[in-house]
N, C-alpha and C. Protein backbone atom coordinates (compact mmCIF):
# COMPACT_ATOMS: atom_id res chain seq x y z
N MET A 1 0.83 -1.20 0.00
CA MET A 1 0.00 0.00 0.00
C MET A 1 0.87 1.26 0.00
N PRO A 2 0.42 2.30 -0.69
CA PRO A 2 1.17 3.56 -0.66
C PRO A 2 1.24 4.12 0.76
N SER A 3 2.33 4.82 1.02
CA SER A 3 2.53 5.41 2.35
C SER A 3 2.93 6.88 2.18
N LEU A 4 3.29 7.50 3.29
CA LEU A 4 3.73 8.90 3.28
C LEU A 4 5.25 9.02 3.42
N GLU A 5 5.96 7.95 3.17
CA GLU A 5 7.42 7.96 3.34
C GLU A 5 8.08 9.04 2.47
N TYR A 6 7.71 9.10 1.21
CA TYR A 6 8.33 10.08 0.31
C TYR A 6 7.88 11.49 0.64
N GLU A 7 6.62 11.65 1.01
CA GLU A 7 6.13 12.97 1.38
C GLU A 7 6.84 13.50 2.61
N ARG A 8 7.02 12.66 3.61
CA ARG A 8 7.68 13.12 4.85
C ARG A 8 9.14 13.46 4.60
N ALA A 9 9.82 12.68 3.77
CA ALA A 9 11.21 12.98 3.45
C ALA A 9 11.32 14.31 2.71
N ALA A 10 10.41 14.54 1.76
CA ALA A 10 10.41 15.81 1.03
C ALA A 10 10.07 16.97 1.94
N GLN A 11 9.15 16.75 2.87
CA GLN A 11 8.76 17.79 3.81
C GLN A 11 9.95 18.21 4.67
N LEU A 12 10.75 17.25 5.10
CA LEU A 12 11.95 17.56 5.88
C LEU A 12 12.97 18.32 5.04
N GLU A 13 13.06 17.95 3.78
CA GLU A 13 14.06 18.57 2.90
C GLU A 13 13.71 20.03 2.59
N CYS A 14 12.45 20.30 2.32
CA CYS A 14 12.08 21.65 1.89
C CYS A 14 11.41 22.47 2.99
N HIS A 15 11.22 21.88 4.16
CA HIS A 15 10.64 22.58 5.32
C HIS A 15 9.25 23.14 5.01
N SER A 16 8.48 22.34 4.30
CA SER A 16 7.12 22.76 3.94
C SER A 16 6.26 21.52 3.73
N PRO A 17 4.95 21.60 4.07
CA PRO A 17 4.05 20.48 3.80
C PRO A 17 3.45 20.51 2.39
N LEU A 18 3.85 21.48 1.58
CA LEU A 18 3.23 21.65 0.25
C LEU A 18 3.93 20.77 -0.78
N ILE A 19 3.72 19.47 -0.63
CA ILE A 19 4.33 18.46 -1.49
C ILE A 19 3.26 17.94 -2.45
N ALA A 20 3.47 18.11 -3.75
CA ALA A 20 2.47 17.66 -4.73
C ALA A 20 2.87 16.32 -5.32
N GLY A 21 1.90 15.41 -5.40
CA GLY A 21 2.07 14.16 -6.13
C GLY A 21 1.41 14.27 -7.49
N LEU A 22 2.07 13.72 -8.52
CA LEU A 22 1.53 13.79 -9.88
C LEU A 22 1.55 12.41 -10.54
N ASP A 23 0.51 12.14 -11.32
CA ASP A 23 0.45 10.92 -12.11
C ASP A 23 -0.42 11.19 -13.34
N GLU A 24 -0.31 10.30 -14.33
CA GLU A 24 -1.07 10.47 -15.56
C GLU A 24 -1.92 9.24 -15.84
N ALA A 25 -2.87 9.44 -16.75
CA ALA A 25 -3.69 8.34 -17.26
C ALA A 25 -3.83 8.51 -18.76
N GLY A 26 -3.76 7.40 -19.48
CA GLY A 26 -4.01 7.43 -20.91
C GLY A 26 -2.80 7.58 -21.79
N ARG A 27 -1.61 7.46 -21.23
CA ARG A 27 -0.42 7.65 -22.05
C ARG A 27 -0.32 6.61 -23.17
N GLY A 28 -0.75 5.38 -22.91
CA GLY A 28 -0.61 4.33 -23.89
C GLY A 28 -1.83 4.10 -24.76
N ALA A 29 -2.85 4.93 -24.63
CA ALA A 29 -4.08 4.75 -25.41
C ALA A 29 -3.87 5.15 -26.86
N LEU A 30 -4.78 4.72 -27.72
CA LEU A 30 -4.74 5.08 -29.13
C LEU A 30 -5.63 6.28 -29.45
N ALA A 31 -6.46 6.67 -28.49
CA ALA A 31 -7.39 7.77 -28.72
C ALA A 31 -7.59 8.54 -27.42
N GLY A 32 -8.00 9.80 -27.58
CA GLY A 32 -8.30 10.62 -26.43
C GLY A 32 -7.08 11.31 -25.85
N PRO A 33 -7.29 12.08 -24.79
CA PRO A 33 -6.20 12.85 -24.20
C PRO A 33 -5.31 12.02 -23.30
N VAL A 34 -4.18 12.57 -22.96
CA VAL A 34 -3.43 12.11 -21.80
C VAL A 34 -3.79 13.09 -20.68
N THR A 35 -4.15 12.56 -19.53
CA THR A 35 -4.69 13.36 -18.44
C THR A 35 -3.82 13.19 -17.19
N ALA A 36 -3.54 14.28 -16.52
CA ALA A 36 -2.69 14.25 -15.32
C ALA A 36 -3.46 14.76 -14.11
N GLY A 37 -3.18 14.15 -12.97
CA GLY A 37 -3.72 14.62 -11.70
C GLY A 37 -2.60 15.13 -10.84
N ALA A 38 -2.89 16.14 -10.04
CA ALA A 38 -1.93 16.70 -9.08
C ALA A 38 -2.65 16.89 -7.74
N VAL A 39 -1.99 16.49 -6.67
CA VAL A 39 -2.62 16.51 -5.34
C VAL A 39 -1.60 16.97 -4.30
N ILE A 40 -2.04 17.85 -3.41
CA ILE A 40 -1.27 18.15 -2.20
C ILE A 40 -2.08 17.65 -1.02
N LEU A 41 -1.53 16.68 -0.31
CA LEU A 41 -2.22 16.12 0.85
C LEU A 41 -2.12 17.06 2.04
N PRO A 42 -3.06 16.96 2.97
CA PRO A 42 -3.02 17.78 4.19
C PRO A 42 -2.06 17.16 5.22
N LEU A 43 -0.77 17.29 4.96
CA LEU A 43 0.23 16.58 5.78
C LEU A 43 0.23 17.02 7.23
N ASP A 44 -0.29 18.21 7.52
CA ASP A 44 -0.32 18.70 8.90
C ASP A 44 -1.69 18.53 9.54
N GLN A 45 -2.55 17.70 8.92
CA GLN A 45 -3.89 17.47 9.48
C GLN A 45 -4.13 15.96 9.60
N PRO A 46 -3.69 15.36 10.71
CA PRO A 46 -3.75 13.90 10.86
C PRO A 46 -5.14 13.30 10.69
N GLU A 47 -6.17 14.02 11.10
CA GLU A 47 -7.53 13.47 11.00
C GLU A 47 -7.95 13.31 9.54
N LYS A 48 -7.55 14.23 8.69
CA LYS A 48 -7.87 14.12 7.27
C LYS A 48 -7.02 13.04 6.61
N LEU A 49 -5.75 12.95 6.99
CA LEU A 49 -4.88 11.91 6.44
C LEU A 49 -5.43 10.52 6.75
N LEU A 50 -6.02 10.37 7.93
CA LEU A 50 -6.60 9.08 8.31
C LEU A 50 -7.72 8.69 7.36
N GLU A 51 -8.50 9.66 6.91
CA GLU A 51 -9.59 9.38 5.96
C GLU A 51 -9.05 8.90 4.62
N LEU A 52 -7.80 9.28 4.29
CA LEU A 52 -7.21 8.97 3.00
C LEU A 52 -6.29 7.76 3.03
N ALA A 53 -6.15 7.13 4.18
CA ALA A 53 -5.12 6.11 4.39
C ALA A 53 -5.28 4.88 3.51
N ASP A 54 -6.49 4.56 3.07
CA ASP A 54 -6.73 3.34 2.29
C ASP A 54 -6.64 3.55 0.78
N ILE A 55 -6.29 4.75 0.36
CA ILE A 55 -6.17 5.02 -1.07
C ILE A 55 -5.06 4.18 -1.67
N ASN A 56 -5.31 3.66 -2.87
CA ASN A 56 -4.33 2.83 -3.56
C ASN A 56 -4.21 3.27 -5.01
N ASP A 57 -3.21 2.75 -5.68
CA ASP A 57 -3.03 2.97 -7.11
C ASP A 57 -4.34 2.72 -7.84
N SER A 58 -4.71 3.61 -8.75
CA SER A 58 -5.99 3.50 -9.44
C SER A 58 -6.14 2.17 -10.18
N LYS A 59 -5.03 1.61 -10.65
CA LYS A 59 -5.11 0.35 -11.41
C LYS A 59 -5.47 -0.83 -10.51
N GLN A 60 -5.36 -0.67 -9.20
CA GLN A 60 -5.69 -1.73 -8.27
C GLN A 60 -7.14 -1.64 -7.78
N LEU A 61 -7.88 -0.65 -8.27
CA LEU A 61 -9.23 -0.40 -7.77
C LEU A 61 -10.27 -0.63 -8.86
N SER A 62 -11.46 -1.02 -8.46
CA SER A 62 -12.58 -1.12 -9.39
C SER A 62 -13.04 0.28 -9.77
N ALA A 63 -13.81 0.36 -10.85
CA ALA A 63 -14.34 1.66 -11.28
C ALA A 63 -15.21 2.29 -10.20
N VAL A 64 -15.97 1.47 -9.49
CA VAL A 64 -16.83 1.98 -8.41
C VAL A 64 -15.98 2.56 -7.29
N LYS A 65 -14.94 1.85 -6.90
CA LYS A 65 -14.06 2.33 -5.83
C LYS A 65 -13.34 3.60 -6.24
N ARG A 66 -12.89 3.65 -7.50
CA ARG A 66 -12.21 4.86 -7.96
C ARG A 66 -13.12 6.08 -7.84
N LYS A 67 -14.38 5.93 -8.21
CA LYS A 67 -15.32 7.06 -8.11
C LYS A 67 -15.53 7.47 -6.65
N GLU A 68 -15.62 6.48 -5.76
CA GLU A 68 -15.77 6.79 -4.33
C GLU A 68 -14.57 7.57 -3.82
N TYR A 69 -13.38 7.09 -4.18
CA TYR A 69 -12.16 7.74 -3.72
C TYR A 69 -11.98 9.11 -4.36
N PHE A 70 -12.44 9.27 -5.60
CA PHE A 70 -12.35 10.58 -6.25
C PHE A 70 -13.05 11.63 -5.38
N SER A 71 -14.27 11.33 -4.95
CA SER A 71 -15.03 12.28 -4.12
C SER A 71 -14.33 12.52 -2.78
N LEU A 72 -13.80 11.45 -2.19
CA LEU A 72 -13.10 11.57 -0.92
C LEU A 72 -11.87 12.46 -1.07
N ILE A 73 -11.08 12.22 -2.11
CA ILE A 73 -9.87 13.01 -2.34
C ILE A 73 -10.23 14.48 -2.54
N ALA A 74 -11.22 14.73 -3.38
CA ALA A 74 -11.61 16.10 -3.69
C ALA A 74 -12.03 16.86 -2.43
N ASN A 75 -12.60 16.15 -1.46
CA ASN A 75 -13.10 16.79 -0.25
C ASN A 75 -12.07 16.88 0.87
N GLN A 76 -11.06 16.02 0.85
CA GLN A 76 -10.16 15.91 2.00
C GLN A 76 -8.76 16.48 1.77
N VAL A 77 -8.30 16.56 0.52
CA VAL A 77 -6.93 17.04 0.31
C VAL A 77 -6.87 18.55 0.44
N LEU A 78 -5.66 19.06 0.55
CA LEU A 78 -5.47 20.51 0.68
C LEU A 78 -5.85 21.22 -0.62
N THR A 79 -5.40 20.67 -1.74
CA THR A 79 -5.74 21.21 -3.06
C THR A 79 -5.46 20.15 -4.11
N TRP A 80 -6.19 20.22 -5.22
CA TRP A 80 -5.98 19.25 -6.29
C TRP A 80 -6.32 19.87 -7.63
N GLY A 81 -5.78 19.28 -8.69
CA GLY A 81 -6.06 19.78 -10.02
C GLY A 81 -5.88 18.68 -11.05
N VAL A 82 -6.53 18.84 -12.18
CA VAL A 82 -6.42 17.90 -13.30
C VAL A 82 -6.15 18.70 -14.56
N GLY A 83 -5.24 18.20 -15.39
CA GLY A 83 -4.95 18.83 -16.67
C GLY A 83 -4.83 17.79 -17.76
N SER A 84 -5.08 18.19 -18.99
CA SER A 84 -5.03 17.25 -20.12
C SER A 84 -4.27 17.85 -21.28
N ALA A 85 -3.78 16.97 -22.14
CA ALA A 85 -3.28 17.35 -23.46
C ALA A 85 -4.05 16.50 -24.47
N SER A 86 -4.56 17.13 -25.49
CA SER A 86 -5.45 16.48 -26.44
C SER A 86 -4.70 15.55 -27.38
N ALA A 87 -5.46 14.75 -28.11
CA ALA A 87 -4.86 13.87 -29.12
C ALA A 87 -4.10 14.68 -30.15
N ALA A 88 -4.63 15.84 -30.54
CA ALA A 88 -3.94 16.69 -31.50
C ALA A 88 -2.62 17.19 -30.94
N GLU A 89 -2.60 17.55 -29.66
CA GLU A 89 -1.35 18.00 -29.05
C GLU A 89 -0.35 16.85 -28.92
N ILE A 90 -0.85 15.65 -28.67
CA ILE A 90 0.02 14.47 -28.62
C ILE A 90 0.66 14.25 -30.00
N ASP A 91 -0.14 14.36 -31.05
CA ASP A 91 0.38 14.18 -32.40
C ASP A 91 1.39 15.27 -32.77
N THR A 92 1.17 16.47 -32.28
CA THR A 92 2.06 17.59 -32.60
C THR A 92 3.38 17.53 -31.85
N HIS A 93 3.30 17.24 -30.56
CA HIS A 93 4.48 17.36 -29.69
C HIS A 93 5.14 16.02 -29.35
N GLY A 94 4.38 14.91 -29.45
CA GLY A 94 4.86 13.63 -28.97
C GLY A 94 4.26 13.34 -27.61
N ILE A 95 4.20 12.06 -27.25
CA ILE A 95 3.47 11.68 -26.04
C ILE A 95 4.16 12.15 -24.76
N LEU A 96 5.49 12.09 -24.68
CA LEU A 96 6.15 12.52 -23.45
C LEU A 96 6.03 14.02 -23.23
N PRO A 97 6.32 14.86 -24.24
CA PRO A 97 6.08 16.29 -24.03
C PRO A 97 4.62 16.61 -23.71
N ALA A 98 3.69 15.90 -24.34
CA ALA A 98 2.28 16.14 -24.05
C ALA A 98 1.93 15.74 -22.62
N THR A 99 2.53 14.67 -22.14
CA THR A 99 2.31 14.26 -20.75
C THR A 99 2.82 15.33 -19.79
N ARG A 100 4.00 15.86 -20.07
CA ARG A 100 4.54 16.94 -19.24
C ARG A 100 3.63 18.17 -19.30
N LEU A 101 3.07 18.45 -20.48
CA LEU A 101 2.16 19.58 -20.63
C LEU A 101 0.91 19.37 -19.78
N ALA A 102 0.35 18.17 -19.79
CA ALA A 102 -0.82 17.87 -18.97
C ALA A 102 -0.50 18.05 -17.49
N MET A 103 0.68 17.60 -17.06
CA MET A 103 1.07 17.75 -15.67
C MET A 103 1.25 19.22 -15.29
N ALA A 104 1.85 19.99 -16.18
CA ALA A 104 2.02 21.42 -15.91
C ALA A 104 0.65 22.11 -15.77
N ARG A 105 -0.30 21.70 -16.60
CA ARG A 105 -1.64 22.28 -16.51
C ARG A 105 -2.34 21.89 -15.22
N ALA A 106 -2.11 20.65 -14.76
CA ALA A 106 -2.68 20.24 -13.47
C ALA A 106 -2.06 21.05 -12.34
N LEU A 107 -0.76 21.27 -12.39
CA LEU A 107 -0.08 22.03 -11.34
C LEU A 107 -0.57 23.47 -11.26
N GLU A 108 -0.92 24.05 -12.41
CA GLU A 108 -1.40 25.43 -12.43
C GLU A 108 -2.68 25.61 -11.62
N LYS A 109 -3.41 24.52 -11.40
CA LYS A 109 -4.68 24.61 -10.69
C LYS A 109 -4.55 24.46 -9.18
N LEU A 110 -3.34 24.21 -8.71
CA LEU A 110 -3.14 24.01 -7.27
C LEU A 110 -3.01 25.35 -6.55
N SER A 111 -3.80 25.51 -5.51
CA SER A 111 -3.72 26.70 -4.68
C SER A 111 -3.96 26.30 -3.22
N PRO A 112 -2.93 26.43 -2.39
CA PRO A 112 -1.62 27.03 -2.63
C PRO A 112 -0.76 26.18 -3.55
N PRO A 113 0.22 26.81 -4.22
CA PRO A 113 1.09 26.05 -5.12
C PRO A 113 2.08 25.20 -4.34
N PRO A 114 2.57 24.14 -4.95
CA PRO A 114 3.53 23.27 -4.26
C PRO A 114 4.93 23.87 -4.24
N VAL A 115 5.76 23.32 -3.35
CA VAL A 115 7.17 23.70 -3.32
C VAL A 115 8.06 22.51 -3.67
N TYR A 116 7.45 21.34 -3.84
CA TYR A 116 8.21 20.12 -4.14
C TYR A 116 7.28 19.16 -4.87
N LEU A 117 7.82 18.42 -5.86
CA LEU A 117 7.00 17.51 -6.66
C LEU A 117 7.47 16.07 -6.53
N LEU A 118 6.51 15.16 -6.39
CA LEU A 118 6.74 13.72 -6.47
C LEU A 118 6.00 13.24 -7.71
N ILE A 119 6.75 12.66 -8.66
CA ILE A 119 6.19 12.33 -9.98
C ILE A 119 6.31 10.84 -10.24
N ASP A 120 5.22 10.25 -10.67
CA ASP A 120 5.24 8.82 -10.98
C ASP A 120 6.11 8.54 -12.21
N GLY A 121 6.87 7.44 -12.14
CA GLY A 121 7.67 7.01 -13.28
C GLY A 121 9.02 7.68 -13.34
N ARG A 122 9.49 7.90 -14.58
CA ARG A 122 10.81 8.48 -14.80
C ARG A 122 10.74 9.94 -15.26
N LEU A 123 9.55 10.50 -15.36
CA LEU A 123 9.39 11.85 -15.88
C LEU A 123 9.98 12.89 -14.95
N ARG A 124 10.52 13.95 -15.55
CA ARG A 124 10.87 15.16 -14.84
C ARG A 124 10.29 16.33 -15.62
N LEU A 125 9.85 17.35 -14.91
CA LEU A 125 9.24 18.52 -15.54
C LEU A 125 10.29 19.63 -15.60
N LYS A 126 11.01 19.66 -16.70
CA LYS A 126 12.15 20.57 -16.82
C LYS A 126 11.74 22.03 -16.86
N THR A 127 10.51 22.30 -17.27
CA THR A 127 10.05 23.69 -17.34
C THR A 127 9.51 24.20 -16.00
N ILE A 128 9.40 23.32 -15.02
CA ILE A 128 8.90 23.71 -13.70
C ILE A 128 10.08 23.86 -12.76
N ASN A 129 10.29 25.07 -12.28
CA ASN A 129 11.46 25.37 -11.45
C ASN A 129 11.19 25.04 -9.99
N LEU A 130 11.03 23.74 -9.74
CA LEU A 130 10.81 23.25 -8.38
C LEU A 130 11.63 21.99 -8.17
N PRO A 131 12.09 21.72 -6.95
CA PRO A 131 12.72 20.43 -6.69
C PRO A 131 11.70 19.32 -6.90
N GLN A 132 12.16 18.22 -7.47
CA GLN A 132 11.22 17.14 -7.81
C GLN A 132 11.94 15.80 -7.78
N GLN A 133 11.14 14.79 -7.53
CA GLN A 133 11.65 13.42 -7.46
C GLN A 133 10.77 12.52 -8.32
N SER A 134 11.40 11.78 -9.22
CA SER A 134 10.69 10.79 -10.04
C SER A 134 10.75 9.45 -9.33
N ILE A 135 9.61 8.78 -9.20
CA ILE A 135 9.53 7.55 -8.43
C ILE A 135 8.92 6.46 -9.31
N ILE A 136 9.72 5.46 -9.66
CA ILE A 136 9.22 4.34 -10.44
C ILE A 136 8.19 3.58 -9.61
N ARG A 137 7.05 3.31 -10.22
CA ARG A 137 5.90 2.70 -9.54
C ARG A 137 5.46 3.56 -8.35
N GLY A 138 5.58 4.85 -8.53
CA GLY A 138 5.23 5.77 -7.46
C GLY A 138 3.79 5.69 -7.02
N ASP A 139 2.89 5.28 -7.93
CA ASP A 139 1.48 5.18 -7.56
C ASP A 139 1.23 4.03 -6.58
N THR A 140 2.20 3.14 -6.42
CA THR A 140 2.08 2.07 -5.42
C THR A 140 2.87 2.38 -4.15
N LEU A 141 3.62 3.47 -4.16
CA LEU A 141 4.52 3.78 -3.04
C LEU A 141 4.17 5.07 -2.32
N SER A 142 3.68 6.05 -3.05
CA SER A 142 3.40 7.37 -2.49
C SER A 142 1.90 7.62 -2.45
N LEU A 143 1.40 8.02 -1.29
CA LEU A 143 -0.04 8.24 -1.15
C LEU A 143 -0.51 9.40 -2.02
N SER A 144 0.28 10.45 -2.14
CA SER A 144 -0.15 11.59 -2.95
C SER A 144 -0.15 11.24 -4.44
N ILE A 145 0.81 10.44 -4.89
CA ILE A 145 0.81 10.00 -6.29
C ILE A 145 -0.36 9.08 -6.56
N ALA A 146 -0.65 8.17 -5.62
CA ALA A 146 -1.81 7.27 -5.77
C ALA A 146 -3.10 8.08 -5.88
N ALA A 147 -3.24 9.12 -5.05
CA ALA A 147 -4.42 9.98 -5.13
C ALA A 147 -4.49 10.68 -6.48
N ALA A 148 -3.35 11.16 -6.96
CA ALA A 148 -3.31 11.82 -8.26
C ALA A 148 -3.70 10.85 -9.38
N SER A 149 -3.30 9.59 -9.24
CA SER A 149 -3.63 8.60 -10.27
C SER A 149 -5.14 8.39 -10.35
N ILE A 150 -5.82 8.43 -9.24
CA ILE A 150 -7.28 8.26 -9.22
C ILE A 150 -7.96 9.46 -9.88
N LEU A 151 -7.51 10.66 -9.54
CA LEU A 151 -8.10 11.85 -10.16
C LEU A 151 -7.93 11.82 -11.68
N ALA A 152 -6.73 11.46 -12.13
CA ALA A 152 -6.46 11.42 -13.57
C ALA A 152 -7.30 10.36 -14.26
N LYS A 153 -7.34 9.17 -13.69
CA LYS A 153 -8.06 8.05 -14.31
C LYS A 153 -9.56 8.31 -14.39
N VAL A 154 -10.17 8.75 -13.29
CA VAL A 154 -11.61 8.97 -13.29
C VAL A 154 -11.98 10.10 -14.24
N THR A 155 -11.20 11.18 -14.23
CA THR A 155 -11.49 12.30 -15.13
C THR A 155 -11.39 11.88 -16.58
N ARG A 156 -10.34 11.14 -16.93
CA ARG A 156 -10.17 10.72 -18.32
C ARG A 156 -11.26 9.73 -18.73
N ASP A 157 -11.59 8.78 -17.86
CA ASP A 157 -12.66 7.82 -18.18
C ASP A 157 -13.97 8.54 -18.46
N ARG A 158 -14.28 9.55 -17.66
CA ARG A 158 -15.52 10.30 -17.88
C ARG A 158 -15.50 10.99 -19.25
N GLU A 159 -14.36 11.53 -19.62
CA GLU A 159 -14.27 12.19 -20.93
C GLU A 159 -14.43 11.19 -22.06
N MET A 160 -13.83 10.00 -21.91
CA MET A 160 -13.94 9.00 -22.98
C MET A 160 -15.37 8.47 -23.10
N ILE A 161 -16.06 8.35 -21.99
CA ILE A 161 -17.46 7.94 -22.03
C ILE A 161 -18.30 8.99 -22.75
N ALA A 162 -17.98 10.27 -22.53
CA ALA A 162 -18.68 11.34 -23.25
C ALA A 162 -18.37 11.27 -24.75
N HIS A 163 -17.11 10.97 -25.10
CA HIS A 163 -16.75 10.85 -26.51
C HIS A 163 -17.49 9.69 -27.18
N ALA A 164 -17.83 8.67 -26.41
CA ALA A 164 -18.55 7.53 -26.96
C ALA A 164 -19.91 7.94 -27.52
N GLN A 165 -20.48 9.00 -26.98
CA GLN A 165 -21.77 9.49 -27.49
C GLN A 165 -21.60 10.13 -28.87
N THR A 166 -20.44 10.76 -29.07
CA THR A 166 -20.17 11.43 -30.35
C THR A 166 -19.67 10.46 -31.41
N PHE A 167 -18.90 9.46 -30.96
CA PHE A 167 -18.31 8.49 -31.89
C PHE A 167 -18.71 7.07 -31.46
N PRO A 168 -19.99 6.71 -31.62
CA PRO A 168 -20.49 5.43 -31.07
C PRO A 168 -19.89 4.19 -31.72
N ALA A 169 -19.32 4.32 -32.91
CA ALA A 169 -18.81 3.14 -33.62
C ALA A 169 -17.58 2.54 -32.96
N PHE A 170 -16.92 3.28 -32.07
CA PHE A 170 -15.63 2.82 -31.55
C PHE A 170 -15.70 2.19 -30.16
N GLY A 171 -16.82 2.32 -29.46
CA GLY A 171 -16.95 1.69 -28.15
C GLY A 171 -16.05 2.27 -27.08
N PHE A 172 -15.82 3.58 -27.12
CA PHE A 172 -14.92 4.21 -26.15
C PHE A 172 -15.36 4.01 -24.71
N GLU A 173 -16.67 3.84 -24.51
CA GLU A 173 -17.16 3.65 -23.14
C GLU A 173 -16.65 2.35 -22.52
N ARG A 174 -16.23 1.41 -23.36
CA ARG A 174 -15.75 0.11 -22.86
C ARG A 174 -14.23 0.09 -22.66
N HIS A 175 -13.50 0.51 -23.66
CA HIS A 175 -12.03 0.37 -23.59
C HIS A 175 -11.30 1.69 -23.33
N LYS A 176 -12.03 2.80 -23.31
CA LYS A 176 -11.47 4.13 -23.01
C LYS A 176 -10.35 4.54 -23.96
N GLY A 177 -10.37 4.00 -25.16
CA GLY A 177 -9.39 4.40 -26.16
C GLY A 177 -8.15 3.55 -26.24
N TYR A 178 -8.03 2.56 -25.38
CA TYR A 178 -6.85 1.69 -25.42
C TYR A 178 -6.97 0.70 -26.59
N GLY A 179 -5.85 0.09 -26.94
CA GLY A 179 -5.77 -0.71 -28.15
C GLY A 179 -6.27 -2.13 -28.03
N THR A 180 -7.49 -2.31 -27.60
CA THR A 180 -8.07 -3.65 -27.52
C THR A 180 -8.36 -4.16 -28.93
N ALA A 181 -8.61 -5.46 -29.04
CA ALA A 181 -8.93 -6.05 -30.34
C ALA A 181 -10.19 -5.41 -30.93
N VAL A 182 -11.18 -5.17 -30.10
CA VAL A 182 -12.43 -4.55 -30.57
C VAL A 182 -12.15 -3.16 -31.12
N HIS A 183 -11.33 -2.40 -30.41
CA HIS A 183 -11.01 -1.04 -30.83
C HIS A 183 -10.23 -1.05 -32.14
N ARG A 184 -9.24 -1.92 -32.25
CA ARG A 184 -8.44 -1.99 -33.48
C ARG A 184 -9.30 -2.40 -34.67
N ASP A 185 -10.23 -3.32 -34.44
CA ASP A 185 -11.13 -3.74 -35.52
C ASP A 185 -12.01 -2.57 -35.97
N ALA A 186 -12.46 -1.77 -35.00
CA ALA A 186 -13.30 -0.62 -35.35
C ALA A 186 -12.51 0.41 -36.16
N ILE A 187 -11.25 0.58 -35.83
CA ILE A 187 -10.40 1.50 -36.60
C ILE A 187 -10.24 1.00 -38.04
N LYS A 188 -10.04 -0.31 -38.19
CA LYS A 188 -9.90 -0.89 -39.52
C LYS A 188 -11.18 -0.72 -40.34
N THR A 189 -12.31 -0.84 -39.66
CA THR A 189 -13.60 -0.75 -40.36
C THR A 189 -13.96 0.69 -40.71
N HIS A 190 -13.76 1.61 -39.76
CA HIS A 190 -14.27 2.97 -39.91
C HIS A 190 -13.19 4.00 -40.18
N GLY A 191 -11.93 3.63 -39.98
CA GLY A 191 -10.87 4.63 -40.05
C GLY A 191 -10.85 5.45 -38.77
N PRO A 192 -9.82 6.26 -38.57
CA PRO A 192 -9.72 7.04 -37.32
C PRO A 192 -10.74 8.17 -37.26
N CYS A 193 -11.13 8.53 -36.04
CA CYS A 193 -12.00 9.68 -35.83
C CYS A 193 -11.17 10.85 -35.31
N GLU A 194 -11.83 11.92 -34.94
CA GLU A 194 -11.14 13.16 -34.57
C GLU A 194 -10.25 13.01 -33.34
N ILE A 195 -10.56 12.09 -32.44
CA ILE A 195 -9.79 12.01 -31.20
C ILE A 195 -8.75 10.88 -31.22
N HIS A 196 -8.54 10.27 -32.39
CA HIS A 196 -7.49 9.25 -32.48
C HIS A 196 -6.12 9.91 -32.63
N ARG A 197 -5.11 9.24 -32.08
CA ARG A 197 -3.73 9.72 -32.15
C ARG A 197 -3.09 9.16 -33.41
N ARG A 198 -3.05 9.98 -34.43
CA ARG A 198 -2.68 9.51 -35.76
C ARG A 198 -1.19 9.20 -35.89
N THR A 199 -0.38 9.66 -34.95
CA THR A 199 1.05 9.36 -35.00
C THR A 199 1.39 8.05 -34.30
N PHE A 200 0.42 7.43 -33.61
CA PHE A 200 0.69 6.16 -32.95
C PHE A 200 0.68 5.04 -34.00
N ALA A 201 1.53 4.05 -33.80
CA ALA A 201 1.82 3.04 -34.82
C ALA A 201 0.58 2.42 -35.47
N PRO A 202 -0.41 1.92 -34.72
CA PRO A 202 -1.57 1.29 -35.37
C PRO A 202 -2.34 2.25 -36.27
N LEU A 203 -2.41 3.53 -35.87
CA LEU A 203 -3.11 4.53 -36.68
C LEU A 203 -2.30 4.90 -37.91
N LYS A 204 -0.99 5.07 -37.73
CA LYS A 204 -0.12 5.38 -38.87
C LYS A 204 -0.22 4.29 -39.93
N GLN A 205 -0.19 3.04 -39.48
CA GLN A 205 -0.27 1.91 -40.41
C GLN A 205 -1.60 1.92 -41.15
N GLN A 206 -2.69 2.16 -40.42
CA GLN A 206 -4.01 2.18 -41.04
C GLN A 206 -4.13 3.31 -42.06
N LEU A 207 -3.57 4.47 -41.73
CA LEU A 207 -3.63 5.59 -42.65
C LEU A 207 -2.80 5.35 -43.91
N LEU A 208 -1.66 4.67 -43.73
CA LEU A 208 -0.83 4.34 -44.89
C LEU A 208 -1.54 3.35 -45.81
N ILE A 209 -2.23 2.37 -45.21
CA ILE A 209 -3.00 1.39 -46.00
C ILE A 209 -4.11 2.09 -46.76
N ALA A 210 -4.81 2.98 -46.07
CA ALA A 210 -5.91 3.71 -46.70
C ALA A 210 -5.41 4.56 -47.87
N LYS A 211 -4.23 5.21 -47.67
CA LYS A 211 -3.65 6.04 -48.71
C LYS A 211 -3.23 5.20 -49.91
N ALA A 212 -2.66 4.01 -49.63
CA ALA A 212 -2.21 3.13 -50.71
C ALA A 212 -3.39 2.61 -51.53
N ASN A 213 -4.53 2.45 -50.88
CA ASN A 213 -5.70 1.89 -51.57
C ASN A 213 -6.56 2.95 -52.24
N SER A 214 -6.22 4.21 -52.00
CA SER A 214 -7.05 5.28 -52.56
C SER A 214 -6.66 5.61 -54.00
């Protein structure tokens, strides 16, 4: 289970409780945005931390549990924010720069702003002039990163479900834009829609085939 070990170490280092955890959702999908969550836990409020103690990595939770925890996080943390980068921005900049852009947008929504960042994976935000630590599998180790993962996942899932109403042929409400067999078959049948990432390999291949056959 995630703990506060990294948050407490950062708090000692920077002499502040304003430690933000960041995580993303949707980086490996074929459609839709990449979405980032940012959370500052109430490190100086033990009673609120106790309410958040059972939070886990979003991938370890059911959709129902994620929604429950989303509401809990929104009500109990000091501040939180979510930011996204669109499929078009992913195609323009590349997935890693777009992920950093989504994280920067999430950070902009935090008030008070953080003084230290804990980031899931190997990412570093070079444009953000703050001390930061990248933590591999951070969503399983850091409570604030785990909370951020839930905010990102639930927000992105809701957006993909809304996109399913606009593009019903692709079944976004089921796979959320990831490359399942059903999704790939739909792309082959219908071609990409507006929210597909055309620079990703399966889409590039499909577009090349379509061009060759035209």
